[in-house]
Amino acid sequence: MSNTDDIKGRAKEATGKATGNKDLQREGKTDRASGKVKQGVDKVKDALKKKNR
């Protein structure tokens, strides 16, 4: 899921940059940040699962 957010964010950011659309660029950056947060949460979940085995 987080990988999808990163890819979607990069596409929006690039499109916004190419068209001069600052709002789209910001949306892309937000999507990428969201993906990073989700990835961090997933890493914590995985670490907890391994610890509880």
C-alpha atoms as a PDB file:
ATOM      1  CA  MET A   1       0.000   0.000   0.000  1.00  0.00           C
ATOM      2  CA  SER A   2       2.701   2.493   0.906  1.00  0.00           C
ATOM      3  CA  ASN A   3       4.547   1.733  -2.307  1.00  0.00           C
ATOM      4  CA  THR A   4       1.405   2.630  -4.226  1.00  0.00           C
ATOM      5  CA  ASP A   5       1.155   5.943  -2.371  1.00  0.00           C
ATOM      6  CA  ASP A   6       4.769   6.714  -3.221  1.00  0.00           C
ATOM      7  CA  ILE A   7       4.310   5.967  -6.921  1.00  0.00           C
ATOM      8  CA  LYS A   8       1.048   7.902  -7.083  1.00  0.00           C
ATOM      9  CA  GLY A   9       2.668  10.810  -5.254  1.00  0.00           C
ATOM     10  CA  ARG A  10       5.655  10.900  -7.571  1.00  0.00           C
ATOM     11  CA  ALA A  11       3.359  10.928 -10.600  1.00  0.00           C
ATOM     12  CA  LYS A  12       1.230  13.752  -9.199  1.00  0.00           C
ATOM     13  CA  GLU A  13       4.296  15.734  -8.214  1.00  0.00           C
ATOM     14  CA  ALA A  14       5.883  15.347 -11.659  1.00  0.00           C
ATOM     15  CA  THR A  15       2.636  16.233 -13.431  1.00  0.00           C
ATOM     16  CA  GLY A  16       2.171  19.262 -11.206  1.00  0.00           C
ATOM     17  CA  LYS A  17       5.718  20.382 -11.879  1.00  0.00           C
ATOM     18  CA  ALA A  18       5.328  19.922 -15.637  1.00  0.00           C
ATOM     19  CA  THR A  19       2.047  21.828 -15.765  1.00  0.00           C
ATOM     20  CA  GLY A  20       2.934  24.450 -13.179  1.00  0.00           C
ATOM     21  CA  ASN A  21       0.131  23.235 -10.897  1.00  0.00           C
ATOM     22  CA  LYS A  22       1.355  23.905  -7.342  1.00  0.00           C
ATOM     23  CA  ASP A  23      -1.695  22.235  -5.760  1.00  0.00           C
ATOM     24  CA  LEU A  24      -1.009  18.990  -7.603  1.00  0.00           C
ATOM     25  CA  GLN A  25       2.643  19.149  -6.575  1.00  0.00           C
ATOM     26  CA  ARG A  26       1.598  19.528  -2.927  1.00  0.00           C
ATOM     27  CA  GLU A  27      -0.835  16.623  -3.242  1.00  0.00           C
ATOM     28  CA  GLY A  28       1.986  14.485  -4.595  1.00  0.00           C
ATOM     29  CA  LYS A  29       4.252  15.382  -1.706  1.00  0.00           C
ATOM     30  CA  THR A  30       1.450  14.593   0.742  1.00  0.00           C
ATOM     31  CA  ASP A  31       0.852  11.198  -0.879  1.00  0.00           C
ATOM     32  CA  ARG A  32       4.555  10.385  -0.697  1.00  0.00           C
ATOM     33  CA  ALA A  33       4.711  11.384   2.972  1.00  0.00           C
ATOM     34  CA  SER A  34       1.649   9.270   3.702  1.00  0.00           C
ATOM     35  CA  GLY A  35       3.348   6.312   2.063  1.00  0.00           C
ATOM     36  CA  LYS A  36       6.430   6.764   4.236  1.00  0.00           C
ATOM     37  CA  VAL A  37       4.325   6.861   7.392  1.00  0.00           C
ATOM     38  CA  LYS A  38       2.446   3.718   6.372  1.00  0.00           C
ATOM     39  CA  GLN A  39       5.731   1.986   5.618  1.00  0.00           C
ATOM     40  CA  GLY A  40       7.041   2.896   9.074  1.00  0.00           C
ATOM     41  CA  VAL A  41       3.907   1.545  10.729  1.00  0.00           C
ATOM     42  CA  ASP A  42       4.239  -1.688   8.765  1.00  0.00           C
ATOM     43  CA  LYS A  43       7.852  -2.082   9.909  1.00  0.00           C
ATOM     44  CA  VAL A  44       6.831  -1.648  13.540  1.00  0.00           C
ATOM     45  CA  LYS A  45       4.026  -4.190  13.132  1.00  0.00           C
ATOM     46  CA  ASP A  46       6.430  -6.701  11.574  1.00  0.00           C
ATOM     47  CA  ALA A  47       8.962  -6.183  14.355  1.00  0.00           C
ATOM     48  CA  LEU A  48       6.290  -6.747  17.009  1.00  0.00           C
ATOM     49  CA  LYS A  49       5.084  -9.901  15.288  1.00  0.00           C
ATOM     50  CA  LYS A  50       8.622 -11.298  15.201  1.00  0.00           C
ATOM     51  CA  LYS A  51       9.149 -10.431  18.851  1.00  0.00           C
ATOM     52  CA  ASN A  52       5.938 -12.162  19.922  1.00  0.00           C
ATOM     53  CA  ARG A  53       6.749 -15.464  18.195  1.00  0.00           C
END
